[in-house]
Amino acid sequence: MVQENTFDAIYEVVCLIPRGRVSTYGAIAAYLGMKSGARMVGWAMNASHSLPEVPAHRVLNRVGALTGKHFFGGNRMQELLESEGIQVENDQILDFKNKFWDPSAELF
C-alpha cells in the first residue's frame, strides 16, 4: 500500500529529529521529494500515536506553531517539548529559527 510505505518513510525522518529540535511538515515532505506533501506528513503524524518511538511532538507547522496539539490530548505536546528544553508560549515555539531542524540541510 502506497500510503503505508509513505508513512514509514516519514517516520524514519521524524525519528532522526534530535531531542531539543523541531522540524516542520513541509520540511519533511520536501526532503522526501513529496511536492505539496505537508498534509501527508500531518496525516502520518496523526496516525503515529500508537507508535511511541515516533517523536511526533517535534513536528510543527511552518511558523513553529503546535497545530497538532489536539491529537496529543491536553497540553501533552507542549509538555514533551518543554521536557526537551524547548520553550513554548501561546502554542508557539520560542526561538523557532534556532530550534528548527531541516532534514535537507542536516542529512546527506
PDB file of N, CA and C in Angstrom:
ATOM      1  N   MET A   1       0.841  -1.186   0.000  1.00  0.00           N
ATOM      2  CA  MET A   1       0.000   0.000   0.000  1.00  0.00           C
ATOM      3  C   MET A   1       0.885   1.249   0.000  1.00  0.00           C
ATOM      4  N   VAL A   2       0.650   2.165  -0.904  1.00  0.00           N
ATOM      5  CA  VAL A   2       1.479   3.348  -1.077  1.00  0.00           C
ATOM      6  C   VAL A   2       1.499   4.197   0.186  1.00  0.00           C
ATOM      7  N   GLN A   3       0.349   4.438   0.795  1.00  0.00           N
ATOM      8  CA  GLN A   3       0.293   5.287   1.985  1.00  0.00           C
ATOM      9  C   GLN A   3       1.134   4.699   3.112  1.00  0.00           C
ATOM     10  N   GLU A   4       1.063   3.392   3.306  1.00  0.00           N
ATOM     11  CA  GLU A   4       1.835   2.744   4.371  1.00  0.00           C
ATOM     12  C   GLU A   4       3.332   2.941   4.149  1.00  0.00           C
ATOM     13  N   ASN A   5       3.801   2.750   2.929  1.00  0.00           N
ATOM     14  CA  ASN A   5       5.220   2.963   2.614  1.00  0.00           C
ATOM     15  C   ASN A   5       5.615   4.419   2.799  1.00  0.00           C
ATOM     16  N   THR A   6       4.729   5.332   2.408  1.00  0.00           N
ATOM     17  CA  THR A   6       4.993   6.756   2.581  1.00  0.00           C
ATOM     18  C   THR A   6       5.086   7.101   4.055  1.00  0.00           C
ATOM     19  N   PHE A   7       4.153   6.593   4.854  1.00  0.00           N
ATOM     20  CA  PHE A   7       4.182   6.858   6.290  1.00  0.00           C
ATOM     21  C   PHE A   7       5.467   6.312   6.905  1.00  0.00           C
ATOM     22  N   ASP A   8       5.895   5.142   6.490  1.00  0.00           N
ATOM     23  CA  ASP A   8       7.145   4.572   7.016  1.00  0.00           C
ATOM     24  C   ASP A   8       8.328   5.482   6.713  1.00  0.00           C
ATOM     25  N   ALA A   9       8.394   6.025   5.505  1.00  0.00           N
ATOM     26  CA  ALA A   9       9.483   6.936   5.132  1.00  0.00           C
ATOM     27  C   ALA A   9       9.430   8.203   5.985  1.00  0.00           C
ATOM     28  N   ILE A  10       8.239   8.712   6.209  1.00  0.00           N
ATOM     29  CA  ILE A  10       8.067   9.898   7.050  1.00  0.00           C
ATOM     30  C   ILE A  10       8.533   9.597   8.470  1.00  0.00           C
ATOM     31  N   TYR A  11       8.117   8.459   9.007  1.00  0.00           N
ATOM     32  CA  TYR A  11       8.507   8.097  10.374  1.00  0.00           C
ATOM     33  C   TYR A  11      10.024   7.961  10.508  1.00  0.00           C
ATOM     34  N   GLU A  12      10.679   7.438   9.482  1.00  0.00           N
ATOM     35  CA  GLU A  12      12.139   7.311   9.526  1.00  0.00           C
ATOM     36  C   GLU A  12      12.800   8.677   9.679  1.00  0.00           C
ATOM     37  N   VAL A  13      12.306   9.666   8.952  1.00  0.00           N
ATOM     38  CA  VAL A  13      12.871  11.010   9.038  1.00  0.00           C
ATOM     39  C   VAL A  13      12.552  11.629  10.399  1.00  0.00           C
ATOM     40  N   VAL A  14      11.324  11.495  10.841  1.00  0.00           N
ATOM     41  CA  VAL A  14      10.918  12.081  12.121  1.00  0.00           C
ATOM     42  C   VAL A  14      11.751  11.508  13.268  1.00  0.00           C
ATOM     43  N   CYS A  15      12.071  10.244  13.198  1.00  0.00           N
ATOM     44  CA  CYS A  15      12.882   9.617  14.250  1.00  0.00           C
ATOM     45  C   CYS A  15      14.315  10.161  14.283  1.00  0.00           C
ATOM     46  N   LEU A  16      14.732  10.852  13.242  1.00  0.00           N
ATOM     47  CA  LEU A  16      16.074  11.435  13.188  1.00  0.00           C
ATOM     48  C   LEU A  16      16.136  12.847  13.774  1.00  0.00           C
ATOM     49  N   ILE A  17      14.979  13.456  14.049  1.00  0.00           N
ATOM     50  CA  ILE A  17      14.973  14.807  14.623  1.00  0.00           C
ATOM     51  C   ILE A  17      15.578  14.714  16.024  1.00  0.00           C
ATOM     52  N   PRO A  18      16.650  15.440  16.276  1.00  0.00           N
ATOM     53  CA  PRO A  18      17.298  15.350  17.590  1.00  0.00           C
ATOM     54  C   PRO A  18      16.422  15.912  18.716  1.00  0.00           C
ATOM     55  N   ARG A  19      16.641  15.373  19.912  1.00  0.00           N
ATOM     56  CA  ARG A  19      15.985  15.945  21.094  1.00  0.00           C
ATOM     57  C   ARG A  19      16.334  17.424  21.177  1.00  0.00           C
ATOM     58  N   GLY A  20      15.353  18.227  21.538  1.00  0.00           N
ATOM     59  CA  GLY A  20      15.590  19.651  21.683  1.00  0.00           C
ATOM     60  C   GLY A  20      15.526  20.434  20.387  1.00  0.00           C
ATOM     61  N   ARG A  21      15.147  19.773  19.311  1.00  0.00           N
ATOM     62  CA  ARG A  21      14.997  20.411  18.000  1.00  0.00           C
ATOM     63  C   ARG A  21      13.613  20.064  17.459  1.00  0.00           C
ATOM     64  N   VAL A  22      13.158  20.829  16.485  1.00  0.00           N
ATOM     65  CA  VAL A  22      11.862  20.596  15.854  1.00  0.00           C
ATOM     66  C   VAL A  22      11.992  20.737  14.345  1.00  0.00           C
ATOM     67  N   SER A  23      11.069  20.145  13.637  1.00  0.00           N
ATOM     68  CA  SER A  23      11.011  20.289  12.189  1.00  0.00           C
ATOM     69  C   SER A  23       9.579  20.635  11.804  1.00  0.00           C
ATOM     70  N   THR A  24       9.344  20.736  10.518  1.00  0.00           N
ATOM     71  CA  THR A  24       8.010  21.086  10.043  1.00  0.00           C
ATOM     72  C   THR A  24       7.487  20.035   9.069  1.00  0.00           C
ATOM     73  N   TYR A  25       6.187  20.033   8.909  1.00  0.00           N
ATOM     74  CA  TYR A  25       5.554  19.127   7.950  1.00  0.00           C
ATOM     75  C   TYR A  25       6.155  19.340   6.563  1.00  0.00           C
ATOM     76  N   GLY A  26       6.273  20.607   6.168  1.00  0.00           N
ATOM     77  CA  GLY A  26       6.772  20.939   4.839  1.00  0.00           C
ATOM     78  C   GLY A  26       8.228  20.570   4.624  1.00  0.00           C
ATOM     79  N   ALA A  27       9.071  20.769   5.644  1.00  0.00           N
ATOM     80  CA  ALA A  27      10.496  20.437   5.509  1.00  0.00           C
ATOM     81  C   ALA A  27      10.682  18.934   5.328  1.00  0.00           C
ATOM     82  N   ILE A  28       9.902  18.158   6.052  1.00  0.00           N
ATOM     83  CA  ILE A  28       9.990  16.704   5.936  1.00  0.00           C
ATOM     84  C   ILE A  28       9.501  16.258   4.563  1.00  0.00           C
ATOM     85  N   ALA A  29       8.391  16.834   4.121  1.00  0.00           N
ATOM     86  CA  ALA A  29       7.859  16.499   2.796  1.00  0.00           C
ATOM     87  C   ALA A  29       8.863  16.865   1.704  1.00  0.00           C
ATOM     88  N   ALA A  30       9.470  18.037   1.811  1.00  0.00           N
ATOM     89  CA  ALA A  30      10.448  18.463   0.804  1.00  0.00           C
ATOM     90  C   ALA A  30      11.639  17.514   0.776  1.00  0.00           C
ATOM     91  N   TYR A  31      12.116  17.110   1.932  1.00  0.00           N
ATOM     92  CA  TYR A  31      13.251  16.186   1.987  1.00  0.00           C
ATOM     93  C   TYR A  31      12.921  14.876   1.280  1.00  0.00           C
ATOM     94  N   LEU A  32      11.688  14.423   1.439  1.00  0.00           N
ATOM     95  CA  LEU A  32      11.266  13.153   0.838  1.00  0.00           C
ATOM     96  C   LEU A  32      10.823  13.307  -0.618  1.00  0.00           C
ATOM     97  N   GLY A  33      10.908  14.538  -1.139  1.00  0.00           N
ATOM     98  CA  GLY A  33      10.530  14.766  -2.534  1.00  0.00           C
ATOM     99  C   GLY A  33       9.035  14.708  -2.771  1.00  0.00           C
ATOM    100  N   MET A  34       8.279  15.008  -1.743  1.00  0.00           N
ATOM    101  CA  MET A  34       6.813  14.964  -1.830  1.00  0.00           C
ATOM    102  C   MET A  34       6.287  16.375  -2.081  1.00  0.00           C
ATOM    103  N   LYS A  35       6.193  16.761  -3.336  1.00  0.00           N
ATOM    104  CA  LYS A  35       5.697  18.090  -3.660  1.00  0.00           C
ATOM    105  C   LYS A  35       4.303  18.268  -3.064  1.00  0.00           C
ATOM    106  N   SER A  36       4.115  19.334  -2.353  1.00  0.00           N
ATOM    107  CA  SER A  36       2.848  19.620  -1.669  1.00  0.00           C
ATOM    108  C   SER A  36       2.465  18.490  -0.720  1.00  0.00           C
ATOM    109  N   GLY A  37       3.452  17.870  -0.089  1.00  0.00           N
ATOM    110  CA  GLY A  37       3.196  16.720   0.773  1.00  0.00           C
ATOM    111  C   GLY A  37       3.077  17.020   2.246  1.00  0.00           C
ATOM    112  N   ALA A  38       3.060  18.307   2.629  1.00  0.00           N
ATOM    113  CA  ALA A  38       2.974  18.650   4.046  1.00  0.00           C
ATOM    114  C   ALA A  38       1.729  18.035   4.684  1.00  0.00           C
ATOM    115  N   ARG A  39       0.641  18.016   3.964  1.00  0.00           N
ATOM    116  CA  ARG A  39      -0.597  17.442   4.505  1.00  0.00           C
ATOM    117  C   ARG A  39      -0.424  15.942   4.766  1.00  0.00           C
ATOM    118  N   MET A  40       0.277  15.253   3.873  1.00  0.00           N
ATOM    119  CA  MET A  40       0.532  13.822   4.053  1.00  0.00           C
ATOM    120  C   MET A  40       1.368  13.587   5.309  1.00  0.00           C
ATOM    121  N   VAL A  41       2.356  14.447   5.543  1.00  0.00           N
ATOM    122  CA  VAL A  41       3.169  14.335   6.755  1.00  0.00           C
ATOM    123  C   VAL A  41       2.276  14.532   7.979  1.00  0.00           C
ATOM    124  N   GLY A  42       1.370  15.473   7.918  1.00  0.00           N
ATOM    125  CA  GLY A  42       0.419  15.690   9.015  1.00  0.00           C
ATOM    126  C   GLY A  42      -0.437  14.462   9.265  1.00  0.00           C
ATOM    127  N   TRP A  43      -0.914  13.843   8.210  1.00  0.00           N
ATOM    128  CA  TRP A  43      -1.716  12.620   8.371  1.00  0.00           C
ATOM    129  C   TRP A  43      -0.886  11.518   9.023  1.00  0.00           C
ATOM    130  N   ALA A  44       0.362  11.415   8.609  1.00  0.00           N
ATOM    131  CA  ALA A  44       1.245  10.400   9.203  1.00  0.00           C
ATOM    132  C   ALA A  44       1.459  10.672  10.689  1.00  0.00           C
ATOM    133  N   MET A  45       1.640  11.942  11.046  1.00  0.00           N
ATOM    134  CA  MET A  45       1.835  12.282  12.464  1.00  0.00           C
ATOM    135  C   MET A  45       0.568  11.947  13.260  1.00  0.00           C
ATOM    136  N   ASN A  46      -0.578  12.219  12.698  1.00  0.00           N
ATOM    137  CA  ASN A  46      -1.834  11.905  13.376  1.00  0.00           C
ATOM    138  C   ASN A  46      -1.997  10.403  13.568  1.00  0.00           C
ATOM    139  N   ALA A  47      -1.473   9.623  12.639  1.00  0.00           N
ATOM    140  CA  ALA A  47      -1.590   8.162  12.713  1.00  0.00           C
ATOM    141  C   ALA A  47      -0.490   7.527  13.557  1.00  0.00           C
ATOM    142  N   SER A  48       0.466   8.312  14.008  1.00  0.00           N
ATOM    143  CA  SER A  48       1.639   7.752  14.689  1.00  0.00           C
ATOM    144  C   SER A  48       1.479   7.586  16.195  1.00  0.00           C
ATOM    145  N   HIS A  49       0.368   7.966  16.738  1.00  0.00           N
ATOM    146  CA  HIS A  49       0.230   7.980  18.197  1.00  0.00           C
ATOM    147  C   HIS A  49       0.240   6.597  18.836  1.00  0.00           C
ATOM    148  N   SER A  50       0.109   5.566  18.045  1.00  0.00           N
ATOM    149  CA  SER A  50       0.252   4.206  18.584  1.00  0.00           C
ATOM    150  C   SER A  50       1.698   3.720  18.459  1.00  0.00           C
ATOM    151  N   LEU A  51       2.580   4.594  17.975  1.00  0.00           N
ATOM    152  CA  LEU A  51       3.990   4.267  17.784  1.00  0.00           C
ATOM    153  C   LEU A  51       4.824   5.173  18.696  1.00  0.00           C
ATOM    154  N   PRO A  52       5.065   4.768  19.926  1.00  0.00           N
ATOM    155  CA  PRO A  52       5.753   5.649  20.878  1.00  0.00           C
ATOM    156  C   PRO A  52       7.174   6.021  20.466  1.00  0.00           C
ATOM    157  N   GLU A  53       7.777   5.258  19.569  1.00  0.00           N
ATOM    158  CA  GLU A  53       9.147   5.571  19.138  1.00  0.00           C
ATOM    159  C   GLU A  53       9.205   6.727  18.140  1.00  0.00           C
ATOM    160  N   VAL A  54       8.044   7.160  17.626  1.00  0.00           N
ATOM    161  CA  VAL A  54       7.991   8.261  16.665  1.00  0.00           C
ATOM    162  C   VAL A  54       7.733   9.558  17.439  1.00  0.00           C
ATOM    163  N   PRO A  55       8.709  10.468  17.478  1.00  0.00           N
ATOM    164  CA  PRO A  55       8.539  11.707  18.241  1.00  0.00           C
ATOM    165  C   PRO A  55       7.723  12.760  17.478  1.00  0.00           C
ATOM    166  N   ALA A  56       6.451  12.468  17.300  1.00  0.00           N
ATOM    167  CA  ALA A  56       5.564  13.342  16.525  1.00  0.00           C
ATOM    168  C   ALA A  56       5.461  14.738  17.130  1.00  0.00           C
ATOM    169  N   HIS A  57       5.728  14.858  18.423  1.00  0.00           N
ATOM    170  CA  HIS A  57       5.639  16.172  19.073  1.00  0.00           C
ATOM    171  C   HIS A  57       6.676  17.149  18.531  1.00  0.00           C
ATOM    172  N   ARG A  58       7.686  16.668  17.837  1.00  0.00           N
ATOM    173  CA  ARG A  58       8.742  17.522  17.283  1.00  0.00           C
ATOM    174  C   ARG A  58       8.412  18.061  15.893  1.00  0.00           C
ATOM    175  N   VAL A  59       7.228  17.746  15.375  1.00  0.00           N
ATOM    176  CA  VAL A  59       6.841  18.191  14.030  1.00  0.00           C
ATOM    177  C   VAL A  59       5.746  19.252  14.158  1.00  0.00           C
ATOM    178  N   LEU A  60       6.024  20.415  13.579  1.00  0.00           N
ATOM    179  CA  LEU A  60       5.165  21.590  13.730  1.00  0.00           C
ATOM    180  C   LEU A  60       4.797  22.161  12.371  1.00  0.00           C
ATOM    181  N   ASN A  61       3.999  23.220  12.392  1.00  0.00           N
ATOM    182  CA  ASN A  61       3.700  23.876  11.122  1.00  0.00           C
ATOM    183  C   ASN A  61       4.852  24.797  10.740  1.00  0.00           C
ATOM    184  N   ARG A  62       4.763  25.454   9.621  1.00  0.00           N
ATOM    185  CA  ARG A  62       5.889  26.198   9.039  1.00  0.00           C
ATOM    186  C   ARG A  62       6.335  27.405   9.847  1.00  0.00           C
ATOM    187  N   VAL A  63       5.526  27.859  10.789  1.00  0.00           N
ATOM    188  CA  VAL A  63       5.918  29.007  11.612  1.00  0.00           C
ATOM    189  C   VAL A  63       6.228  28.599  13.050  1.00  0.00           C
ATOM    190  N   GLY A  64       6.262  27.290  13.310  1.00  0.00           N
ATOM    191  CA  GLY A  64       6.611  26.810  14.638  1.00  0.00           C
ATOM    192  C   GLY A  64       5.468  26.753  15.622  1.00  0.00           C
ATOM    193  N   ALA A  65       4.254  26.665  15.119  1.00  0.00           N
ATOM    194  CA  ALA A  65       3.077  26.576  15.993  1.00  0.00           C
ATOM    195  C   ALA A  65       2.688  25.114  16.213  1.00  0.00           C
ATOM    196  N   LEU A  66       2.145  24.836  17.381  1.00  0.00           N
ATOM    197  CA  LEU A  66       1.743  23.486  17.771  1.00  0.00           C
ATOM    198  C   LEU A  66       0.350  23.178  17.218  1.00  0.00           C
ATOM    199  N   THR A  67       0.236  23.106  15.909  1.00  0.00           N
ATOM    200  CA  THR A  67      -1.072  22.908  15.279  1.00  0.00           C
ATOM    201  C   THR A  67      -1.625  21.505  15.511  1.00  0.00           C
ATOM    202  N   GLY A  68      -0.769  20.536  15.795  1.00  0.00           N
ATOM    203  CA  GLY A  68      -1.234  19.164  16.004  1.00  0.00           C
ATOM    204  C   GLY A  68      -1.478  18.814  17.457  1.00  0.00           C
ATOM    205  N   LYS A  69      -1.462  19.809  18.332  1.00  0.00           N
ATOM    206  CA  LYS A  69      -1.523  19.535  19.768  1.00  0.00           C
ATOM    207  C   LYS A  69      -2.802  18.825  20.210  1.00  0.00           C
ATOM    208  N   HIS A  70      -3.901  19.040  19.518  1.00  0.00           N
ATOM    209  CA  HIS A  70      -5.155  18.405  19.943  1.00  0.00           C
ATOM    210  C   HIS A  70      -5.115  16.887  19.775  1.00  0.00           C
ATOM    211  N   PHE A  71      -4.188  16.374  18.974  1.00  0.00           N
ATOM    212  CA  PHE A  71      -4.056  14.930  18.815  1.00  0.00           C
ATOM    213  C   PHE A  71      -3.310  14.287  19.983  1.00  0.00           C
ATOM    214  N   PHE A  72      -2.671  15.114  20.809  1.00  0.00           N
ATOM    215  CA  PHE A  72      -1.929  14.611  21.963  1.00  0.00           C
ATOM    216  C   PHE A  72      -2.772  14.611  23.232  1.00  0.00           C
ATOM    217  N   GLY A  73      -3.830  15.379  23.253  1.00  0.00           N
ATOM    218  CA  GLY A  73      -4.667  15.492  24.443  1.00  0.00           C
ATOM    219  C   GLY A  73      -4.077  16.480  25.436  1.00  0.00           C
ATOM    220  N   GLY A  74      -4.881  17.445  25.826  1.00  0.00           N
ATOM    221  CA  GLY A  74      -4.429  18.431  26.797  1.00  0.00           C
ATOM    222  C   GLY A  74      -3.195  19.177  26.324  1.00  0.00           C
ATOM    223  N   ASN A  75      -2.255  19.341  27.227  1.00  0.00           N
ATOM    224  CA  ASN A  75      -1.005  20.054  26.926  1.00  0.00           C
ATOM    225  C   ASN A  75       0.164  19.107  26.715  1.00  0.00           C
ATOM    226  N   ARG A  76      -0.109  17.855  26.386  1.00  0.00           N
ATOM    227  CA  ARG A  76       0.941  16.842  26.299  1.00  0.00           C
ATOM    228  C   ARG A  76       2.039  17.194  25.292  1.00  0.00           C
ATOM    229  N   MET A  77       1.676  17.722  24.143  1.00  0.00           N
ATOM    230  CA  MET A  77       2.679  18.084  23.139  1.00  0.00           C
ATOM    231  C   MET A  77       3.635  19.138  23.707  1.00  0.00           C
ATOM    232  N   GLN A  78       3.084  20.162  24.321  1.00  0.00           N
ATOM    233  CA  GLN A  78       3.899  21.206  24.924  1.00  0.00           C
ATOM    234  C   GLN A  78       4.774  20.639  26.039  1.00  0.00           C
ATOM    235  N   GLU A  79       4.211  19.777  26.864  1.00  0.00           N
ATOM    236  CA  GLU A  79       4.975  19.169  27.951  1.00  0.00           C
ATOM    237  C   GLU A  79       6.161  18.369  27.424  1.00  0.00           C
ATOM    238  N   LEU A  80       5.944  17.606  26.356  1.00  0.00           N
ATOM    239  CA  LEU A  80       7.031  16.818  25.764  1.00  0.00           C
ATOM    240  C   LEU A  80       8.130  17.725  25.221  1.00  0.00           C
ATOM    241  N   LEU A  81       7.740  18.796  24.541  1.00  0.00           N
ATOM    242  CA  LEU A  81       8.728  19.725  24.006  1.00  0.00           C
ATOM    243  C   LEU A  81       9.502  20.408  25.126  1.00  0.00           C
ATOM    244  N   GLU A  82       8.797  20.846  26.148  1.00  0.00           N
ATOM    245  CA  GLU A  82       9.451  21.526  27.263  1.00  0.00           C
ATOM    246  C   GLU A  82      10.382  20.585  28.023  1.00  0.00           C
ATOM    247  N   SER A  83      10.043  19.297  28.063  1.00  0.00           N
ATOM    248  CA  SER A  83      10.927  18.334  28.733  1.00  0.00           C
ATOM    249  C   SER A  83      12.248  18.168  27.979  1.00  0.00           C
ATOM    250  N   GLU A  84      12.269  18.609  26.716  1.00  0.00           N
ATOM    251  CA  GLU A  84      13.476  18.562  25.897  1.00  0.00           C
ATOM    252  C   GLU A  84      14.174  19.922  25.828  1.00  0.00           C
ATOM    253  N   GLY A  85      13.711  20.869  26.643  1.00  0.00           N
ATOM    254  CA  GLY A  85      14.351  22.176  26.700  1.00  0.00           C
ATOM    255  C   GLY A  85      13.828  23.192  25.707  1.00  0.00           C
ATOM    256  N   ILE A  86      12.734  22.910  25.068  1.00  0.00           N
ATOM    257  CA  ILE A  86      12.154  23.839  24.099  1.00  0.00           C
ATOM    258  C   ILE A  86      11.096  24.679  24.813  1.00  0.00           C
ATOM    259  N   GLN A  87      11.208  25.980  24.680  1.00  0.00           N
ATOM    260  CA  GLN A  87      10.254  26.878  25.310  1.00  0.00           C
ATOM    261  C   GLN A  87       9.069  27.117  24.388  1.00  0.00           C
ATOM    262  N   VAL A  88       7.876  27.041  24.974  1.00  0.00           N
ATOM    263  CA  VAL A  88       6.639  27.229  24.224  1.00  0.00           C
ATOM    264  C   VAL A  88       5.813  28.293  24.930  1.00  0.00           C
ATOM    265  N   GLU A  89       5.304  29.218  24.152  1.00  0.00           N
ATOM    266  CA  GLU A  89       4.431  30.252  24.698  1.00  0.00           C
ATOM    267  C   GLU A  89       3.277  30.468  23.730  1.00  0.00           C
ATOM    268  N   ASN A  90       2.054  30.375  24.243  1.00  0.00           N
ATOM    269  CA  ASN A  90       0.858  30.536  23.408  1.00  0.00           C
ATOM    270  C   ASN A  90       0.893  29.625  22.179  1.00  0.00           C
ATOM    271  N   ASP A  91       1.245  28.356  22.403  1.00  0.00           N
ATOM    272  CA  ASP A  91       1.292  27.341  21.338  1.00  0.00           C
ATOM    273  C   ASP A  91       2.302  27.658  20.237  1.00  0.00           C
ATOM    274  N   GLN A  92       3.314  28.419  20.561  1.00  0.00           N
ATOM    275  CA  GLN A  92       4.341  28.821  19.602  1.00  0.00           C
ATOM    276  C   GLN A  92       5.719  28.530  20.192  1.00  0.00           C
ATOM    277  N   ILE A  93       6.602  27.932  19.377  1.00  0.00           N
ATOM    278  CA  ILE A  93       7.977  27.670  19.805  1.00  0.00           C
ATOM    279  C   ILE A  93       8.726  29.000  19.868  1.00  0.00           C
ATOM    280  N   LEU A  94       9.338  29.279  21.000  1.00  0.00           N
ATOM    281  CA  LEU A  94      10.186  30.455  21.115  1.00  0.00           C
ATOM    282  C   LEU A  94      11.541  30.115  20.504  1.00  0.00           C
ATOM    283  N   ASP A  95      12.140  31.062  19.849  1.00  0.00           N
ATOM    284  CA  ASP A  95      13.433  30.859  19.188  1.00  0.00           C
ATOM    285  C   ASP A  95      13.334  29.742  18.131  1.00  0.00           C
ATOM    286  N   PHE A  96      12.227  29.737  17.424  1.00  0.00           N
ATOM    287  CA  PHE A  96      11.968  28.695  16.421  1.00  0.00           C
ATOM    288  C   PHE A  96      13.097  28.595  15.398  1.00  0.00           C
ATOM    289  N   LYS A  97      13.610  29.725  14.953  1.00  0.00           N
ATOM    290  CA  LYS A  97      14.662  29.723  13.927  1.00  0.00           C
ATOM    291  C   LYS A  97      15.865  28.890  14.371  1.00  0.00           C
ATOM    292  N   ASN A  98      16.242  28.988  15.628  1.00  0.00           N
ATOM    293  CA  ASN A  98      17.408  28.253  16.127  1.00  0.00           C
ATOM    294  C   ASN A  98      17.085  26.825  16.543  1.00  0.00           C
ATOM    295  N   LYS A  99      15.833  26.518  16.764  1.00  0.00           N
ATOM    296  CA  LYS A  99      15.422  25.155  17.130  1.00  0.00           C
ATOM    297  C   LYS A  99      15.061  24.317  15.909  1.00  0.00           C
ATOM    298  N   PHE A 100      14.888  24.982  14.767  1.00  0.00           N
ATOM    299  CA  PHE A 100      14.445  24.308  13.544  1.00  0.00           C
ATOM    300  C   PHE A 100      15.526  23.369  13.007  1.00  0.00           C
ATOM    301  N   TRP A 101      15.117  22.148  12.709  1.00  0.00           N
ATOM    302  CA  TRP A 101      15.979  21.125  12.121  1.00  0.00           C
ATOM    303  C   TRP A 101      15.455  20.829  10.726  1.00  0.00           C
ATOM    304  N   ASP A 102      16.260  21.130   9.723  1.00  0.00           N
ATOM    305  CA  ASP A 102      15.878  20.928   8.327  1.00  0.00           C
ATOM    306  C   ASP A 102      16.571  19.666   7.810  1.00  0.00           C
ATOM    307  N   PRO A 103      15.809  18.606   7.561  1.00  0.00           N
ATOM    308  CA  PRO A 103      16.443  17.369   7.095  1.00  0.00           C
ATOM    309  C   PRO A 103      17.217  17.545   5.797  1.00  0.00           C
ATOM    310  N   SER A 104      16.797  18.451   4.940  1.00  0.00           N
ATOM    311  CA  SER A 104      17.516  18.656   3.670  1.00  0.00           C
ATOM    312  C   SER A 104      18.898  19.245   3.884  1.00  0.00           C
ATOM    313  N   ALA A 105      19.080  19.971   4.975  1.00  0.00           N
ATOM    314  CA  ALA A 105      20.379  20.561   5.291  1.00  0.00           C
ATOM    315  C   ALA A 105      21.200  19.673   6.225  1.00  0.00           C
ATOM    316  N   GLU A 106      20.528  18.871   7.043  1.00  0.00           N
ATOM    317  CA  GLU A 106      21.200  18.085   8.070  1.00  0.00           C
ATOM    318  C   GLU A 106      21.559  16.670   7.614  1.00  0.00           C
ATOM    319  N   LEU A 107      20.795  16.128   6.696  1.00  0.00           N
ATOM    320  CA  LEU A 107      21.014  14.758   6.242  1.00  0.00           C
ATOM    321  C   LEU A 107      21.616  14.770   4.840  1.00  0.00           C
ATOM    322  N   PHE A 108      22.501  13.892   4.608  1.00  0.00           N
ATOM    323  CA  PHE A 108      23.166  13.855   3.303  1.00  0.00           C
ATOM    324  C   PHE A 108      22.806  12.578   2.579  1.00  0.00           C
TER     325      PHE A 108
END
